[in-house]
All heavy atoms as atom14 arrays in JSON, in Angstrom:
{
  "sequence": "AISRSNSQYYADSVKGRFTISRDTAKRMLYLQMGSLKPEDTAVYYCAA",
  "atom14_mask": [
    [1, 1, 1, 1, 1, 0, 0, 0, 0, 0, 0, 0, 0, 0],
    [1, 1, 1, 1, 1, 1, 1, 1, 0, 0, 0, 0, 0, 0],
    [1, 1, 1, 1, 1, 1, 0, 0, 0, 0, 0, 0, 0, 0],
    [1, 1, 1, 1, 1, 1, 1, 1, 1, 1, 1, 0, 0, 0],
    [1, 1, 1, 1, 1, 1, 0, 0, 0, 0, 0, 0, 0, 0],
    [1, 1, 1, 1, 1, 1, 1, 1, 0, 0, 0, 0, 0, 0],
    [1, 1, 1, 1, 1, 1, 0, 0, 0, 0, 0, 0, 0, 0],
    [1, 1, 1, 1, 1, 1, 1, 1, 1, 0, 0, 0, 0, 0],
    [1, 1, 1, 1, 1, 1, 1, 1, 1, 1, 1, 1, 0, 0],
    [1, 1, 1, 1, 1, 1, 1, 1, 1, 1, 1, 1, 0, 0],
    [1, 1, 1, 1, 1, 0, 0, 0, 0, 0, 0, 0, 0, 0],
    [1, 1, 1, 1, 1, 1, 1, 1, 0, 0, 0, 0, 0, 0],
    [1, 1, 1, 1, 1, 1, 0, 0, 0, 0, 0, 0, 0, 0],
    [1, 1, 1, 1, 1, 1, 1, 0, 0, 0, 0, 0, 0, 0],
    [1, 1, 1, 1, 1, 1, 1, 1, 1, 0, 0, 0, 0, 0],
    [1, 1, 1, 1, 0, 0, 0, 0, 0, 0, 0, 0, 0, 0],
    [1, 1, 1, 1, 1, 1, 1, 1, 1, 1, 1, 0, 0, 0],
    [1, 1, 1, 1, 1, 1, 1, 1, 1, 1, 1, 0, 0, 0],
    [1, 1, 1, 1, 1, 1, 1, 0, 0, 0, 0, 0, 0, 0],
    [1, 1, 1, 1, 1, 1, 1, 1, 0, 0, 0, 0, 0, 0],
    [1, 1, 1, 1, 1, 1, 0, 0, 0, 0, 0, 0, 0, 0],
    [1, 1, 1, 1, 1, 1, 1, 1, 1, 1, 1, 0, 0, 0],
    [1, 1, 1, 1, 1, 1, 1, 1, 0, 0, 0, 0, 0, 0],
    [1, 1, 1, 1, 1, 1, 1, 0, 0, 0, 0, 0, 0, 0],
    [1, 1, 1, 1, 1, 0, 0, 0, 0, 0, 0, 0, 0, 0],
    [1, 1, 1, 1, 1, 1, 1, 1, 1, 0, 0, 0, 0, 0],
    [1, 1, 1, 1, 1, 1, 1, 1, 1, 1, 1, 0, 0, 0],
    [1, 1, 1, 1, 1, 1, 1, 1, 0, 0, 0, 0, 0, 0],
    [1, 1, 1, 1, 1, 1, 1, 1, 0, 0, 0, 0, 0, 0],
    [1, 1, 1, 1, 1, 1, 1, 1, 1, 1, 1, 1, 0, 0],
    [1, 1, 1, 1, 1, 1, 1, 1, 0, 0, 0, 0, 0, 0],
    [1, 1, 1, 1, 1, 1, 1, 1, 1, 0, 0, 0, 0, 0],
    [1, 1, 1, 1, 1, 1, 1, 1, 0, 0, 0, 0, 0, 0],
    [1, 1, 1, 1, 0, 0, 0, 0, 0, 0, 0, 0, 0, 0],
    [1, 1, 1, 1, 1, 1, 0, 0, 0, 0, 0, 0, 0, 0],
    [1, 1, 1, 1, 1, 1, 1, 1, 0, 0, 0, 0, 0, 0],
    [1, 1, 1, 1, 1, 1, 1, 1, 1, 0, 0, 0, 0, 0],
    [1, 1, 1, 1, 1, 1, 1, 0, 0, 0, 0, 0, 0, 0],
    [1, 1, 1, 1, 1, 1, 1, 1, 1, 0, 0, 0, 0, 0],
    [1, 1, 1, 1, 1, 1, 1, 1, 0, 0, 0, 0, 0, 0],
    [1, 1, 1, 1, 1, 1, 1, 0, 0, 0, 0, 0, 0, 0],
    [1, 1, 1, 1, 1, 0, 0, 0, 0, 0, 0, 0, 0, 0],
    [1, 1, 1, 1, 1, 1, 1, 0, 0, 0, 0, 0, 0, 0],
    [1, 1, 1, 1, 1, 1, 1, 1, 1, 1, 1, 1, 0, 0],
    [1, 1, 1, 1, 1, 1, 1, 1, 1, 1, 1, 1, 0, 0],
    [1, 1, 1, 1, 1, 1, 0, 0, 0, 0, 0, 0, 0, 0],
    [1, 1, 1, 1, 1, 0, 0, 0, 0, 0, 0, 0, 0, 0],
    [1, 1, 1, 1, 1, 0, 0, 0, 0, 0, 0, 0, 0, 0]
  ],
  "atom14_positions": [
    [[-18.75, 22.16, 8.36], [-19.18, 22.78, 9.6], [-19.98, 21.79, 10.42], [-20.54, 20.82, 9.89], [-20.0, 24.04, 9.34], [0.0, 0.0, 0.0], [0.0, 0.0, 0.0], [0.0, 0.0, 0.0], [0.0, 0.0, 0.0], [0.0, 0.0, 0.0], [0.0, 0.0, 0.0], [0.0, 0.0, 0.0], [0.0, 0.0, 0.0], [0.0, 0.0, 0.0]],
    [[-20.05, 22.05, 11.7], [-20.82, 21.21, 12.6], [-21.61, 22.1, 13.54], [-21.08, 23.04, 14.13], [-19.9, 20.22, 13.36], [-20.73, 19.23, 14.18], [-18.89, 20.96, 14.23], [-19.91, 18.02, 14.63], [0.0, 0.0, 0.0], [0.0, 0.0, 0.0], [0.0, 0.0, 0.0], [0.0, 0.0, 0.0], [0.0, 0.0, 0.0], [0.0, 0.0, 0.0]],
    [[-22.89, 21.82, 13.65], [-23.77, 22.66, 14.44], [-23.71, 22.29, 15.91], [-23.05, 21.35, 16.32], [-25.21, 22.52, 13.94], [-25.74, 21.25, 14.29], [0.0, 0.0, 0.0], [0.0, 0.0, 0.0], [0.0, 0.0, 0.0], [0.0, 0.0, 0.0], [0.0, 0.0, 0.0], [0.0, 0.0, 0.0], [0.0, 0.0, 0.0], [0.0, 0.0, 0.0]],
    [[-24.45, 23.04, 16.71], [-24.52, 22.76, 18.14], [-25.14, 21.4, 18.41], [-24.83, 20.77, 19.42], [-25.32, 23.85, 18.85], [-24.65, 25.21, 18.84], [-25.48, 26.23, 19.58], [-24.81, 27.52, 19.69], [-25.01, 28.54, 18.87], [-25.89, 28.43, 17.88], [-24.35, 29.66, 19.04], [0.0, 0.0, 0.0], [0.0, 0.0, 0.0], [0.0, 0.0, 0.0]],
    [[-26.0, 20.96, 17.52], [-26.62, 19.65, 17.65], [-25.83, 18.57, 16.92], [-26.31, 17.44, 16.79], [-28.05, 19.69, 17.12], [-28.08, 20.04, 15.75], [0.0, 0.0, 0.0], [0.0, 0.0, 0.0], [0.0, 0.0, 0.0], [0.0, 0.0, 0.0], [0.0, 0.0, 0.0], [0.0, 0.0, 0.0], [0.0, 0.0, 0.0], [0.0, 0.0, 0.0]],
    [[-24.65, 18.92, 16.45], [-23.74, 18.0, 15.76], [-24.2, 17.6, 14.37], [-23.73, 16.59, 13.83], [-23.45, 16.77, 16.6], [-22.49, 17.05, 17.73], [-21.65, 17.94, 17.64], [-22.61, 16.29, 18.81], [0.0, 0.0, 0.0], [0.0, 0.0, 0.0], [0.0, 0.0, 0.0], [0.0, 0.0, 0.0], [0.0, 0.0, 0.0], [0.0, 0.0, 0.0]],
    [[-25.08, 18.38, 13.78], [-25.38, 18.18, 12.37], [-24.17, 18.61, 11.57], [-23.51, 19.59, 11.9], [-26.6, 18.99, 11.95], [-27.77, 18.51, 12.6], [0.0, 0.0, 0.0], [0.0, 0.0, 0.0], [0.0, 0.0, 0.0], [0.0, 0.0, 0.0], [0.0, 0.0, 0.0], [0.0, 0.0, 0.0], [0.0, 0.0, 0.0], [0.0, 0.0, 0.0]],
    [[-23.88, 17.88, 10.51], [-22.69, 18.13, 9.72], [-23.03, 18.64, 8.33], [-24.01, 18.19, 7.72], [-21.86, 16.85, 9.61], [-21.44, 16.28, 10.96], [-21.09, 14.82, 10.88], [-20.35, 14.4, 9.99], [-21.61, 14.03, 11.79], [0.0, 0.0, 0.0], [0.0, 0.0, 0.0], [0.0, 0.0, 0.0], [0.0, 0.0, 0.0], [0.0, 0.0, 0.0]],
    [[-22.22, 19.55, 7.85], [-22.43, 20.16, 6.56], [-21.11, 20.19, 5.81], [-20.06, 20.44, 6.39], [-22.97, 21.59, 6.72], [-24.23, 21.64, 7.56], [-24.15, 21.69, 8.95], [-25.49, 21.63, 6.97], [-25.29, 21.72, 9.73], [-26.63, 21.67, 7.74], [-26.53, 21.72, 9.11], [-27.68, 21.75, 9.88], [0.0, 0.0, 0.0], [0.0, 0.0, 0.0]],
    [[-21.18, 19.96, 4.51], [-19.97, 19.89, 3.7], [-20.13, 20.61, 2.38], [-21.21, 20.65, 1.8], [-19.61, 18.43, 3.41], [-19.38, 17.6, 4.64], [-20.4, 16.84, 5.19], [-18.13, 17.58, 5.25], [-20.19, 16.08, 6.33], [-17.9, 16.82, 6.39], [-18.94, 16.07, 6.92], [-18.72, 15.32, 8.04], [0.0, 0.0, 0.0], [0.0, 0.0, 0.0]],
    [[-19.02, 21.15, 1.93], [-18.98, 21.66, 0.57], [-19.06, 20.48, -0.38], [-18.59, 19.39, -0.08], [-17.69, 22.44, 0.34], [0.0, 0.0, 0.0], [0.0, 0.0, 0.0], [0.0, 0.0, 0.0], [0.0, 0.0, 0.0], [0.0, 0.0, 0.0], [0.0, 0.0, 0.0], [0.0, 0.0, 0.0], [0.0, 0.0, 0.0], [0.0, 0.0, 0.0]],
    [[-19.66, 20.7, -1.53], [-19.8, 19.62, -2.51], [-18.46, 19.03, -2.9], [-18.35, 17.83, -3.17], [-20.53, 20.13, -3.75], [-22.0, 20.37, -3.52], [-22.55, 19.84, -2.54], [-22.61, 21.1, -4.33], [0.0, 0.0, 0.0], [0.0, 0.0, 0.0], [0.0, 0.0, 0.0], [0.0, 0.0, 0.0], [0.0, 0.0, 0.0], [0.0, 0.0, 0.0]],
    [[-17.44, 19.85, -2.91], [-16.13, 19.41, -3.34], [-15.48, 18.39, -2.41], [-14.58, 17.67, -2.82], [-15.19, 20.61, -3.52], [-15.05, 21.31, -2.3], [0.0, 0.0, 0.0], [0.0, 0.0, 0.0], [0.0, 0.0, 0.0], [0.0, 0.0, 0.0], [0.0, 0.0, 0.0], [0.0, 0.0, 0.0], [0.0, 0.0, 0.0], [0.0, 0.0, 0.0]],
    [[-15.94, 18.33, -1.16], [-15.35, 17.42, -0.2], [-16.33, 16.38, 0.33], [-15.93, 15.47, 1.06], [-14.73, 18.17, 1.0], [-13.76, 19.24, 0.51], [-15.81, 18.79, 1.88], [0.0, 0.0, 0.0], [0.0, 0.0, 0.0], [0.0, 0.0, 0.0], [0.0, 0.0, 0.0], [0.0, 0.0, 0.0], [0.0, 0.0, 0.0], [0.0, 0.0, 0.0]],
    [[-17.57, 16.51, -0.04], [-18.61, 15.6, 0.44], [-18.26, 14.16, 0.07], [-17.92, 13.86, -1.07], [-19.96, 15.99, -0.14], [-21.15, 15.33, 0.53], [-22.46, 15.94, 0.02], [-22.54, 17.42, 0.31], [-23.82, 18.02, -0.17], [0.0, 0.0, 0.0], [0.0, 0.0, 0.0], [0.0, 0.0, 0.0], [0.0, 0.0, 0.0], [0.0, 0.0, 0.0]],
    [[-18.34, 13.29, 1.05], [-18.01, 11.9, 0.83], [-16.56, 11.57, 1.08], [-16.2, 10.39, 1.18], [0.0, 0.0, 0.0], [0.0, 0.0, 0.0], [0.0, 0.0, 0.0], [0.0, 0.0, 0.0], [0.0, 0.0, 0.0], [0.0, 0.0, 0.0], [0.0, 0.0, 0.0], [0.0, 0.0, 0.0], [0.0, 0.0, 0.0], [0.0, 0.0, 0.0]],
    [[-15.73, 12.59, 1.18], [-14.3, 12.39, 1.42], [-13.86, 12.89, 2.79], [-12.97, 12.31, 3.4], [-13.47, 13.09, 0.35], [-13.71, 12.57, -1.06], [-12.69, 13.16, -2.03], [-12.8, 14.61, -2.14], [-11.83, 15.47, -1.87], [-10.63, 15.02, -1.48], [-12.01, 16.77, -2.0], [0.0, 0.0, 0.0], [0.0, 0.0, 0.0], [0.0, 0.0, 0.0]],
    [[-14.47, 13.97, 3.25], [-14.09, 14.58, 4.52], [-15.18, 14.34, 5.56], [-16.37, 14.25, 5.23], [-13.91, 16.09, 4.37], [-12.72, 16.52, 3.56], [-11.98, 15.61, 2.83], [-12.35, 17.85, 3.54], [-10.88, 16.01, 2.08], [-11.26, 18.27, 2.8], [-10.52, 17.35, 2.07], [0.0, 0.0, 0.0], [0.0, 0.0, 0.0], [0.0, 0.0, 0.0]],
    [[-14.76, 14.27, 6.81], [-15.69, 14.13, 7.91], [-15.32, 15.09, 9.03], [-14.17, 15.1, 9.48], [-15.69, 12.69, 8.47], [-16.05, 11.77, 7.44], [-16.69, 12.57, 9.61], [0.0, 0.0, 0.0], [0.0, 0.0, 0.0], [0.0, 0.0, 0.0], [0.0, 0.0, 0.0], [0.0, 0.0, 0.0], [0.0, 0.0, 0.0], [0.0, 0.0, 0.0]],
    [[-16.27, 15.89, 9.44], [-16.05, 16.81, 10.55], [-16.66, 16.21, 11.81], [-17.71, 15.58, 11.77], [-16.65, 18.2, 10.25], [-16.24, 19.21, 11.34], [-18.17, 18.13, 10.11], [-16.61, 20.65, 11.0], [0.0, 0.0, 0.0], [0.0, 0.0, 0.0], [0.0, 0.0, 0.0], [0.0, 0.0, 0.0], [0.0, 0.0, 0.0], [0.0, 0.0, 0.0]],
    [[-15.98, 16.4, 12.92], [-16.48, 15.9, 14.19], [-15.93, 16.74, 15.32], [-15.0, 17.53, 15.13], [-16.09, 14.42, 14.38], [-14.68, 14.27, 14.42], [0.0, 0.0, 0.0], [0.0, 0.0, 0.0], [0.0, 0.0, 0.0], [0.0, 0.0, 0.0], [0.0, 0.0, 0.0], [0.0, 0.0, 0.0], [0.0, 0.0, 0.0], [0.0, 0.0, 0.0]],
    [[-16.51, 16.58, 16.47], [-16.01, 17.28, 17.64], [-15.98, 16.36, 18.85], [-16.76, 15.41, 18.96], [-16.85, 18.53, 17.95], [-18.24, 18.23, 18.5], [-18.81, 19.47, 19.17], [-19.43, 20.37, 18.22], [-19.48, 21.69, 18.36], [-18.92, 22.28, 19.41], [-20.1, 22.43, 17.44], [0.0, 0.0, 0.0], [0.0, 0.0, 0.0], [0.0, 0.0, 0.0]],
    [[-15.09, 16.67, 19.76], [-15.01, 15.99, 21.03], [-15.12, 17.08, 22.08], [-14.15, 17.78, 22.37], [-13.7, 15.22, 21.17], [-13.65, 14.37, 22.43], [-14.23, 14.77, 23.46], [-13.02, 13.29, 22.38], [0.0, 0.0, 0.0], [0.0, 0.0, 0.0], [0.0, 0.0, 0.0], [0.0, 0.0, 0.0], [0.0, 0.0, 0.0], [0.0, 0.0, 0.0]],
    [[-16.3, 17.23, 22.61], [-16.57, 18.32, 23.54], [-15.71, 18.22, 24.8], [-15.19, 19.23, 25.28], [-18.05, 18.35, 23.93], [-18.85, 18.47, 22.74], [-18.35, 19.51, 24.84], [0.0, 0.0, 0.0], [0.0, 0.0, 0.0], [0.0, 0.0, 0.0], [0.0, 0.0, 0.0], [0.0, 0.0, 0.0], [0.0, 0.0, 0.0], [0.0, 0.0, 0.0]],
    [[-15.57, 17.02, 25.32], [-14.79, 16.82, 26.54], [-13.34, 17.25, 26.35], [-12.72, 17.78, 27.27], [-14.85, 15.37, 26.98], [0.0, 0.0, 0.0], [0.0, 0.0, 0.0], [0.0, 0.0, 0.0], [0.0, 0.0, 0.0], [0.0, 0.0, 0.0], [0.0, 0.0, 0.0], [0.0, 0.0, 0.0], [0.0, 0.0, 0.0], [0.0, 0.0, 0.0]],
    [[-12.8, 17.01, 25.17], [-11.42, 17.36, 24.89], [-11.28, 18.76, 24.28], [-10.16, 19.2, 24.02], [-10.79, 16.34, 23.95], [-10.65, 14.95, 24.54], [-9.98, 14.0, 23.54], [-9.8, 12.63, 24.13], [-9.18, 11.7, 23.15], [0.0, 0.0, 0.0], [0.0, 0.0, 0.0], [0.0, 0.0, 0.0], [0.0, 0.0, 0.0], [0.0, 0.0, 0.0]],
    [[-12.4, 19.42, 24.06], [-12.4, 20.74, 23.44], [-11.68, 20.71, 22.09], [-10.86, 21.57, 21.78], [-11.76, 21.77, 24.37], [-12.59, 22.11, 25.58], [-11.84, 23.06, 26.5], [-12.73, 23.64, 27.49], [-13.3, 24.82, 27.37], [-13.09, 25.57, 26.3], [-14.09, 25.28, 28.33], [0.0, 0.0, 0.0], [0.0, 0.0, 0.0], [0.0, 0.0, 0.0]],
    [[-12.02, 19.69, 21.31], [-11.35, 19.49, 20.04], [-12.33, 19.41, 18.88], [-13.43, 18.88, 19.02], [-10.53, 18.2, 20.08], [-9.43, 18.17, 21.11], [-8.0, 19.15, 20.61], [-7.31, 18.09, 19.34], [0.0, 0.0, 0.0], [0.0, 0.0, 0.0], [0.0, 0.0, 0.0], [0.0, 0.0, 0.0], [0.0, 0.0, 0.0], [0.0, 0.0, 0.0]],
    [[-11.92, 19.93, 17.78], [-12.63, 19.81, 16.52], [-11.7, 19.09, 15.55], [-10.5, 19.35, 15.54], [-12.99, 21.19, 15.97], [-13.67, 21.21, 14.6], [-15.12, 20.74, 14.73], [-13.61, 22.6, 14.0], [0.0, 0.0, 0.0], [0.0, 0.0, 0.0], [0.0, 0.0, 0.0], [0.0, 0.0, 0.0], [0.0, 0.0, 0.0], [0.0, 0.0, 0.0]],
    [[-12.27, 18.21, 14.74], [-11.46, 17.44, 13.82], [-11.99, 17.53, 12.4], [-13.17, 17.76, 12.16], [-11.45, 15.96, 14.22], [-11.0, 15.7, 15.63], [-11.92, 15.44, 16.63], [-9.64, 15.71, 15.95], [-11.51, 15.2, 17.93], [-9.23, 15.47, 17.25], [-10.16, 15.21, 18.23], [-9.75, 14.97, 19.51], [0.0, 0.0, 0.0], [0.0, 0.0, 0.0]],
    [[-11.09, 17.34, 11.47], [-11.46, 17.18, 10.08], [-10.67, 16.0, 9.55], [-9.46, 16.09, 9.36], [-11.16, 18.44, 9.26], [-11.61, 18.38, 7.8], [-13.14, 18.35, 7.73], [-11.06, 19.56, 7.01], [0.0, 0.0, 0.0], [0.0, 0.0, 0.0], [0.0, 0.0, 0.0], [0.0, 0.0, 0.0], [0.0, 0.0, 0.0], [0.0, 0.0, 0.0]],
    [[-11.37, 14.91, 9.34], [-10.75, 13.73, 8.77], [-10.86, 13.84, 7.26], [-11.97, 13.88, 6.72], [-11.43, 12.46, 9.27], [-10.85, 11.17, 8.71], [-9.43, 10.93, 9.19], [-9.15, 11.03, 10.38], [-8.54, 10.61, 8.26], [0.0, 0.0, 0.0], [0.0, 0.0, 0.0], [0.0, 0.0, 0.0], [0.0, 0.0, 0.0], [0.0, 0.0, 0.0]],
    [[-9.74, 13.9, 6.6], [-9.71, 14.07, 5.16], [-9.2, 12.8, 4.5], [-8.13, 12.3, 4.85], [-8.81, 15.25, 4.78], [-9.2, 16.55, 5.47], [-8.17, 17.94, 4.93], [-6.59, 17.43, 5.61], [0.0, 0.0, 0.0], [0.0, 0.0, 0.0], [0.0, 0.0, 0.0], [0.0, 0.0, 0.0], [0.0, 0.0, 0.0], [0.0, 0.0, 0.0]],
    [[-9.97, 12.3, 3.57], [-9.58, 11.1, 2.85], [-9.6, 11.35, 1.35], [-10.15, 12.33, 0.87], [0.0, 0.0, 0.0], [0.0, 0.0, 0.0], [0.0, 0.0, 0.0], [0.0, 0.0, 0.0], [0.0, 0.0, 0.0], [0.0, 0.0, 0.0], [0.0, 0.0, 0.0], [0.0, 0.0, 0.0], [0.0, 0.0, 0.0], [0.0, 0.0, 0.0]],
    [[-8.97, 10.44, 0.63], [-8.9, 10.54, -0.83], [-8.47, 11.93, -1.27], [-9.06, 12.54, -2.16], [-10.26, 10.19, -1.46], [-10.65, 8.87, -1.11], [0.0, 0.0, 0.0], [0.0, 0.0, 0.0], [0.0, 0.0, 0.0], [0.0, 0.0, 0.0], [0.0, 0.0, 0.0], [0.0, 0.0, 0.0], [0.0, 0.0, 0.0], [0.0, 0.0, 0.0]],
    [[-7.43, 12.41, -0.66], [-6.99, 13.77, -0.91], [-6.55, 13.97, -2.35], [-5.96, 13.08, -2.97], [-5.86, 14.15, 0.04], [-6.33, 14.45, 1.46], [-5.16, 14.41, 2.44], [-7.02, 15.82, 1.5], [0.0, 0.0, 0.0], [0.0, 0.0, 0.0], [0.0, 0.0, 0.0], [0.0, 0.0, 0.0], [0.0, 0.0, 0.0], [0.0, 0.0, 0.0]],
    [[-6.85, 15.14, -2.85], [-6.53, 15.53, -4.21], [-5.63, 16.75, -4.19], [-5.64, 17.52, -3.23], [-7.81, 15.85, -4.98], [-8.86, 14.76, -4.97], [-10.14, 15.24, -5.63], [-11.2, 14.17, -5.6], [-12.46, 14.64, -6.23], [0.0, 0.0, 0.0], [0.0, 0.0, 0.0], [0.0, 0.0, 0.0], [0.0, 0.0, 0.0], [0.0, 0.0, 0.0]],
    [[-4.86, 16.96, -5.24], [-4.02, 18.17, -5.29], [-4.82, 19.45, -5.1], [-4.3, 20.41, -4.51], [-3.41, 18.1, -6.7], [-3.33, 16.64, -6.98], [-4.59, 16.06, -6.38], [0.0, 0.0, 0.0], [0.0, 0.0, 0.0], [0.0, 0.0, 0.0], [0.0, 0.0, 0.0], [0.0, 0.0, 0.0], [0.0, 0.0, 0.0], [0.0, 0.0, 0.0]],
    [[-6.06, 19.48, -5.56], [-6.88, 20.67, -5.4], [-7.32, 20.91, -3.95], [-7.92, 21.95, -3.65], [-8.11, 20.62, -6.31], [-8.87, 19.31, -6.25], [-8.49, 18.36, -7.38], [-7.28, 18.17, -7.61], [-9.4, 17.81, -8.02], [0.0, 0.0, 0.0], [0.0, 0.0, 0.0], [0.0, 0.0, 0.0], [0.0, 0.0, 0.0], [0.0, 0.0, 0.0]],
    [[-7.03, 19.97, -3.07], [-7.29, 20.18, -1.65], [-6.17, 20.98, -0.99], [-6.28, 21.35, 0.18], [-7.44, 18.84, -0.92], [-8.68, 18.08, -1.35], [-9.74, 18.71, -1.51], [-8.58, 16.85, -1.52], [0.0, 0.0, 0.0], [0.0, 0.0, 0.0], [0.0, 0.0, 0.0], [0.0, 0.0, 0.0], [0.0, 0.0, 0.0], [0.0, 0.0, 0.0]],
    [[-5.11, 21.2, -1.71], [-3.98, 21.96, -1.18], [-4.42, 23.37, -0.81], [-4.96, 24.11, -1.63], [-2.84, 22.03, -2.2], [-2.33, 20.72, -2.44], [-1.72, 22.92, -1.7], [0.0, 0.0, 0.0], [0.0, 0.0, 0.0], [0.0, 0.0, 0.0], [0.0, 0.0, 0.0], [0.0, 0.0, 0.0], [0.0, 0.0, 0.0], [0.0, 0.0, 0.0]],
    [[-4.19, 23.74, 0.43], [-4.62, 25.03, 0.94], [-4.19, 25.18, 2.39], [-3.75, 24.22, 3.02], [-6.14, 25.18, 0.84], [0.0, 0.0, 0.0], [0.0, 0.0, 0.0], [0.0, 0.0, 0.0], [0.0, 0.0, 0.0], [0.0, 0.0, 0.0], [0.0, 0.0, 0.0], [0.0, 0.0, 0.0], [0.0, 0.0, 0.0], [0.0, 0.0, 0.0]],
    [[-4.34, 26.39, 2.89], [-4.24, 26.6, 4.32], [-5.62, 26.37, 4.89], [-6.6, 26.97, 4.42], [-3.75, 28.02, 4.66], [-3.76, 28.24, 6.17], [-2.35, 28.25, 4.11], [0.0, 0.0, 0.0], [0.0, 0.0, 0.0], [0.0, 0.0, 0.0], [0.0, 0.0, 0.0], [0.0, 0.0, 0.0], [0.0, 0.0, 0.0], [0.0, 0.0, 0.0]],
    [[-5.71, 25.52, 5.87], [-6.99, 25.18, 6.47], [-7.16, 25.91, 7.8], [-6.27, 25.89, 8.64], [-7.1, 23.67, 6.69], [-7.4, 22.92, 5.42], [-6.42, 22.81, 4.43], [-8.64, 22.34, 5.21], [-6.7, 22.14, 3.25], [-8.92, 21.67, 4.03], [-7.95, 21.57, 3.06], [-8.23, 20.9, 1.89], [0.0, 0.0, 0.0], [0.0, 0.0, 0.0]],
    [[-8.32, 26.53, 7.95], [-8.61, 27.31, 9.14], [-9.77, 26.73, 9.92], [-10.79, 26.34, 9.36], [-8.98, 28.75, 8.76], [-7.88, 29.52, 8.08], [-7.75, 29.52, 6.7], [-6.97, 30.26, 8.83], [-6.74, 30.22, 6.06], [-5.96, 30.98, 8.2], [-5.85, 30.95, 6.82], [-4.86, 31.67, 6.2], [0.0, 0.0, 0.0], [0.0, 0.0, 0.0]],
    [[-9.6, 26.71, 11.2], [-10.67, 26.37, 12.12], [-11.38, 27.66, 12.52], [-10.73, 28.68, 12.74], [-10.07, 25.68, 13.36], [-11.22, 25.37, 14.71], [0.0, 0.0, 0.0], [0.0, 0.0, 0.0], [0.0, 0.0, 0.0], [0.0, 0.0, 0.0], [0.0, 0.0, 0.0], [0.0, 0.0, 0.0], [0.0, 0.0, 0.0], [0.0, 0.0, 0.0]],
    [[-12.69, 27.62, 12.58], [-13.46, 28.8, 12.93], [-14.62, 28.44, 13.85], [-15.09, 27.3, 13.86], [-13.99, 29.48, 11.66], [0.0, 0.0, 0.0], [0.0, 0.0, 0.0], [0.0, 0.0, 0.0], [0.0, 0.0, 0.0], [0.0, 0.0, 0.0], [0.0, 0.0, 0.0], [0.0, 0.0, 0.0], [0.0, 0.0, 0.0], [0.0, 0.0, 0.0]],
    [[-15.08, 29.43, 14.59], [-16.17, 29.19, 15.53], [-16.98, 30.46, 15.76], [-16.5, 31.57, 15.57], [-15.63, 28.68, 16.86], [0.0, 0.0, 0.0], [0.0, 0.0, 0.0], [0.0, 0.0, 0.0], [0.0, 0.0, 0.0], [0.0, 0.0, 0.0], [0.0, 0.0, 0.0], [0.0, 0.0, 0.0], [0.0, 0.0, 0.0], [0.0, 0.0, 0.0]]
  ]
}
């Protein structure tokens, strides 16, 4: 998750591998996922 002040929070399972960010001008939210594991398999949802 990312706060209004752009503080970032992560589940322990993805910490160090995933990065959340936003581009306000583009009205976009991103999740950069690295070192993916089979246990990362899921439907991913954006929420606000």
